[in-house]
Amino acid sequence: MAFLRPLVLFALFLVVLYAVLSVWLRLRERRRLSREWRNGDQLVDEDIFVDEGMAAYDHSLRKRLLWLVIVGPMAGLLVLLYVLNVS
């Protein structure tokens, strides 16, 4: 059970990292959509254009792959702990 404390601390670090990356990527996507609207034909209001783009971003593969920030290192750490304790 001595490995539980570092595992929990590592998980908390990864959750904070995920939150920061998620906010940063959403702001970056919002800026990109706003810039695209300014450079385009401007057929619709900017708020509507950005909201529709953000709705599409919420269902994108990029948003889903962000979970690998948590899952990948945690899986690697668990495999490492298992190998070190079994051998």
N, C-alpha and C. Protein backbone atom coordinates (compact mmCIF):
# COMPACT_ATOMS: atom_id res chain seq x y z
N MET A 1 0.80 -1.20 0.00
CA MET A 1 0.00 0.00 0.00
C MET A 1 0.84 1.26 0.00
N ALA A 2 2.15 1.12 0.06
CA ALA A 2 3.02 2.29 0.06
C ALA A 2 3.00 2.99 -1.29
N PHE A 3 2.63 2.28 -2.35
CA PHE A 3 2.59 2.89 -3.67
C PHE A 3 1.33 3.72 -3.89
N LEU A 4 0.40 3.67 -2.98
CA LEU A 4 -0.88 4.37 -3.16
C LEU A 4 -0.73 5.89 -3.09
N ARG A 5 0.08 6.39 -2.18
CA ARG A 5 0.24 7.85 -2.04
C ARG A 5 0.86 8.47 -3.30
N PRO A 6 1.97 7.94 -3.82
CA PRO A 6 2.50 8.53 -5.06
C PRO A 6 1.53 8.39 -6.24
N LEU A 7 0.79 7.30 -6.26
CA LEU A 7 -0.17 7.08 -7.34
C LEU A 7 -1.28 8.14 -7.29
N VAL A 8 -1.77 8.45 -6.11
CA VAL A 8 -2.82 9.47 -5.97
C VAL A 8 -2.26 10.85 -6.31
N LEU A 9 -1.07 11.16 -5.84
CA LEU A 9 -0.46 12.45 -6.16
C LEU A 9 -0.21 12.59 -7.66
N PHE A 10 0.24 11.54 -8.29
CA PHE A 10 0.47 11.55 -9.73
C PHE A 10 -0.85 11.73 -10.47
N ALA A 11 -1.91 11.07 -10.00
CA ALA A 11 -3.22 11.21 -10.62
C ALA A 11 -3.74 12.65 -10.48
N LEU A 12 -3.55 13.25 -9.32
CA LEU A 12 -3.96 14.64 -9.13
C LEU A 12 -3.18 15.58 -10.04
N PHE A 13 -1.89 15.35 -10.17
CA PHE A 13 -1.08 16.15 -11.08
C PHE A 13 -1.60 16.03 -12.52
N LEU A 14 -1.93 14.81 -12.94
CA LEU A 14 -2.42 14.61 -14.30
C LEU A 14 -3.79 15.26 -14.52
N VAL A 15 -4.64 15.24 -13.51
CA VAL A 15 -5.95 15.88 -13.63
C VAL A 15 -5.79 17.39 -13.77
N VAL A 16 -4.88 17.98 -12.99
CA VAL A 16 -4.63 19.42 -13.11
C VAL A 16 -4.05 19.73 -14.49
N LEU A 17 -3.12 18.92 -14.95
CA LEU A 17 -2.55 19.11 -16.28
C LEU A 17 -3.63 19.00 -17.36
N TYR A 18 -4.53 18.03 -17.23
CA TYR A 18 -5.64 17.87 -18.18
C TYR A 18 -6.52 19.12 -18.18
N ALA A 19 -6.84 19.64 -17.00
CA ALA A 19 -7.70 20.82 -16.92
C ALA A 19 -7.05 22.03 -17.57
N VAL A 20 -5.77 22.23 -17.31
CA VAL A 20 -5.06 23.36 -17.90
C VAL A 20 -5.00 23.22 -19.42
N LEU A 21 -4.66 22.04 -19.91
CA LEU A 21 -4.61 21.82 -21.35
C LEU A 21 -5.98 21.97 -21.99
N SER A 22 -7.01 21.50 -21.32
CA SER A 22 -8.36 21.60 -21.87
C SER A 22 -8.78 23.06 -22.02
N VAL A 23 -8.54 23.87 -21.00
CA VAL A 23 -8.89 25.30 -21.08
C VAL A 23 -8.06 25.98 -22.15
N TRP A 24 -6.77 25.69 -22.20
CA TRP A 24 -5.90 26.31 -23.18
C TRP A 24 -6.31 25.96 -24.60
N LEU A 25 -6.62 24.68 -24.87
CA LEU A 25 -7.02 24.27 -26.21
C LEU A 25 -8.37 24.86 -26.60
N ARG A 26 -9.30 24.98 -25.64
CA ARG A 26 -10.59 25.61 -25.95
C ARG A 26 -10.41 27.09 -26.30
N LEU A 27 -9.57 27.79 -25.56
CA LEU A 27 -9.32 29.20 -25.86
C LEU A 27 -8.64 29.36 -27.22
N ARG A 28 -7.73 28.47 -27.52
CA ARG A 28 -7.04 28.50 -28.80
C ARG A 28 -8.00 28.25 -29.96
N GLU A 29 -8.90 27.30 -29.78
CA GLU A 29 -9.89 27.00 -30.82
C GLU A 29 -10.86 28.16 -30.99
N ARG A 30 -11.25 28.78 -29.89
CA ARG A 30 -12.16 29.93 -29.96
C ARG A 30 -11.48 31.10 -30.72
N ARG A 31 -10.20 31.34 -30.44
CA ARG A 31 -9.47 32.39 -31.15
C ARG A 31 -9.35 32.07 -32.64
N ARG A 32 -9.10 30.78 -32.95
CA ARG A 32 -8.99 30.38 -34.35
C ARG A 32 -10.30 30.60 -35.09
N LEU A 33 -11.41 30.24 -34.44
CA LEU A 33 -12.72 30.43 -35.08
C LEU A 33 -13.03 31.91 -35.26
N SER A 34 -12.68 32.72 -34.28
CA SER A 34 -12.92 34.15 -34.40
C SER A 34 -12.09 34.75 -35.53
N ARG A 35 -10.85 34.32 -35.65
CA ARG A 35 -9.99 34.79 -36.73
C ARG A 35 -10.52 34.32 -38.08
N GLU A 36 -11.02 33.08 -38.14
CA GLU A 36 -11.59 32.56 -39.38
C GLU A 36 -12.83 33.35 -39.79
N TRP A 37 -13.63 33.74 -38.81
CA TRP A 37 -14.84 34.53 -39.10
C TRP A 37 -14.45 35.90 -39.66
N ARG A 38 -13.44 36.53 -39.06
CA ARG A 38 -13.01 37.85 -39.54
C ARG A 38 -12.44 37.79 -40.94
N ASN A 39 -11.76 36.70 -41.29
CA ASN A 39 -11.16 36.56 -42.62
C ASN A 39 -12.14 36.04 -43.66
N GLY A 40 -13.31 35.56 -43.23
CA GLY A 40 -14.28 34.96 -44.14
C GLY A 40 -15.29 35.95 -44.66
N ASP A 41 -16.44 35.41 -45.10
CA ASP A 41 -17.49 36.22 -45.72
C ASP A 41 -18.39 36.90 -44.70
N GLN A 42 -18.38 36.47 -43.46
CA GLN A 42 -19.19 37.05 -42.38
C GLN A 42 -20.68 37.01 -42.70
N LEU A 43 -21.15 35.83 -43.11
CA LEU A 43 -22.56 35.68 -43.45
C LEU A 43 -23.44 35.55 -42.21
N VAL A 44 -22.87 35.10 -41.11
CA VAL A 44 -23.63 34.97 -39.86
C VAL A 44 -22.91 35.78 -38.78
N ASP A 45 -23.59 35.96 -37.67
CA ASP A 45 -23.01 36.69 -36.54
C ASP A 45 -21.81 35.92 -35.99
N GLU A 46 -20.83 36.63 -35.48
CA GLU A 46 -19.61 35.99 -34.98
C GLU A 46 -19.90 35.04 -33.82
N ASP A 47 -20.79 35.44 -32.91
CA ASP A 47 -21.11 34.59 -31.76
C ASP A 47 -21.71 33.27 -32.20
N ILE A 48 -22.59 33.31 -33.18
CA ILE A 48 -23.22 32.08 -33.69
C ILE A 48 -22.17 31.20 -34.36
N PHE A 49 -21.31 31.81 -35.15
CA PHE A 49 -20.25 31.06 -35.84
C PHE A 49 -19.32 30.38 -34.85
N VAL A 50 -18.91 31.11 -33.83
CA VAL A 50 -17.99 30.56 -32.83
C VAL A 50 -18.69 29.49 -32.00
N ASP A 51 -19.95 29.70 -31.62
CA ASP A 51 -20.68 28.70 -30.84
C ASP A 51 -20.86 27.40 -31.61
N GLU A 52 -21.17 27.49 -32.91
CA GLU A 52 -21.31 26.28 -33.73
C GLU A 52 -19.97 25.57 -33.89
N GLY A 53 -18.91 26.35 -34.05
CA GLY A 53 -17.57 25.76 -34.16
C GLY A 53 -17.14 25.09 -32.87
N MET A 54 -17.47 25.69 -31.73
CA MET A 54 -17.11 25.09 -30.45
C MET A 54 -17.94 23.83 -30.19
N ALA A 55 -19.19 23.81 -30.66
CA ALA A 55 -20.00 22.59 -30.53
C ALA A 55 -19.39 21.46 -31.36
N ALA A 56 -18.88 21.80 -32.54
CA ALA A 56 -18.21 20.79 -33.37
C ALA A 56 -16.90 20.35 -32.70
N TYR A 57 -16.19 21.28 -32.06
CA TYR A 57 -14.94 20.93 -31.37
C TYR A 57 -15.21 19.99 -30.19
N ASP A 58 -16.33 20.19 -29.50
CA ASP A 58 -16.65 19.34 -28.36
C ASP A 58 -16.83 17.88 -28.75
N HIS A 59 -17.15 17.61 -30.01
CA HIS A 59 -17.34 16.24 -30.48
C HIS A 59 -16.19 15.76 -31.36
N SER A 60 -15.10 16.51 -31.37
CA SER A 60 -13.99 16.18 -32.26
C SER A 60 -13.06 15.14 -31.63
N LEU A 61 -12.25 14.56 -32.49
CA LEU A 61 -11.26 13.58 -32.04
C LEU A 61 -10.20 14.23 -31.17
N ARG A 62 -9.83 15.47 -31.47
CA ARG A 62 -8.82 16.18 -30.69
C ARG A 62 -9.25 16.30 -29.23
N LYS A 63 -10.51 16.60 -29.02
CA LYS A 63 -11.02 16.73 -27.64
C LYS A 63 -10.97 15.37 -26.93
N ARG A 64 -11.30 14.31 -27.64
CA ARG A 64 -11.29 12.97 -27.02
C ARG A 64 -9.88 12.47 -26.76
N LEU A 65 -8.95 12.82 -27.63
CA LEU A 65 -7.56 12.38 -27.45
C LEU A 65 -6.90 13.04 -26.26
N LEU A 66 -7.47 14.14 -25.79
CA LEU A 66 -6.92 14.83 -24.63
C LEU A 66 -6.96 13.94 -23.39
N TRP A 67 -7.88 12.99 -23.34
CA TRP A 67 -7.95 12.06 -22.20
C TRP A 67 -6.70 11.20 -22.09
N LEU A 68 -5.95 11.08 -23.18
CA LEU A 68 -4.72 10.30 -23.13
C LEU A 68 -3.68 10.95 -22.22
N VAL A 69 -3.86 12.22 -21.89
CA VAL A 69 -2.97 12.89 -20.94
C VAL A 69 -3.07 12.20 -19.58
N ILE A 70 -4.24 11.72 -19.24
CA ILE A 70 -4.44 11.04 -17.95
C ILE A 70 -4.22 9.54 -18.10
N VAL A 71 -4.83 8.95 -19.11
CA VAL A 71 -4.84 7.49 -19.25
C VAL A 71 -3.45 6.93 -19.56
N GLY A 72 -2.72 7.56 -20.46
CA GLY A 72 -1.42 7.05 -20.87
C GLY A 72 -0.40 6.96 -19.74
N PRO A 73 -0.11 8.06 -19.07
CA PRO A 73 0.87 7.98 -17.98
C PRO A 73 0.41 7.10 -16.81
N MET A 74 -0.89 7.12 -16.51
CA MET A 74 -1.37 6.26 -15.41
C MET A 74 -1.21 4.79 -15.77
N ALA A 75 -1.51 4.43 -16.99
CA ALA A 75 -1.34 3.04 -17.42
C ALA A 75 0.14 2.65 -17.38
N GLY A 76 0.99 3.55 -17.85
CA GLY A 76 2.43 3.27 -17.80
C GLY A 76 2.94 3.11 -16.39
N LEU A 77 2.48 3.97 -15.48
CA LEU A 77 2.91 3.87 -14.09
C LEU A 77 2.39 2.58 -13.44
N LEU A 78 1.16 2.21 -13.73
CA LEU A 78 0.62 0.97 -13.16
C LEU A 78 1.36 -0.25 -13.68
N VAL A 79 1.70 -0.26 -14.97
CA VAL A 79 2.47 -1.37 -15.52
C VAL A 79 3.85 -1.42 -14.88
N LEU A 80 4.48 -0.26 -14.73
CA LEU A 80 5.79 -0.20 -14.09
C LEU A 80 5.74 -0.72 -12.65
N LEU A 81 4.74 -0.29 -11.89
CA LEU A 81 4.61 -0.78 -10.51
C LEU A 81 4.35 -2.28 -10.46
N TYR A 82 3.55 -2.77 -11.39
CA TYR A 82 3.28 -4.20 -11.43
C TYR A 82 4.54 -4.98 -11.73
N VAL A 83 5.30 -4.54 -12.73
CA VAL A 83 6.52 -5.26 -13.13
C VAL A 83 7.54 -5.22 -11.99
N LEU A 84 7.68 -4.09 -11.34
CA LEU A 84 8.65 -4.00 -10.26
C LEU A 84 8.26 -4.84 -9.05
N ASN A 85 6.97 -4.98 -8.77
CA ASN A 85 6.54 -5.75 -7.61
C ASN A 85 6.47 -7.23 -7.88
N VAL A 86 6.28 -7.63 -9.12
CA VAL A 86 6.17 -9.05 -9.42
C VAL A 86 7.54 -9.68 -9.61
N SER A 87 8.45 -8.97 -10.21
CA SER A 87 9.75 -9.57 -10.50
C SER A 87 10.69 -9.55 -9.35
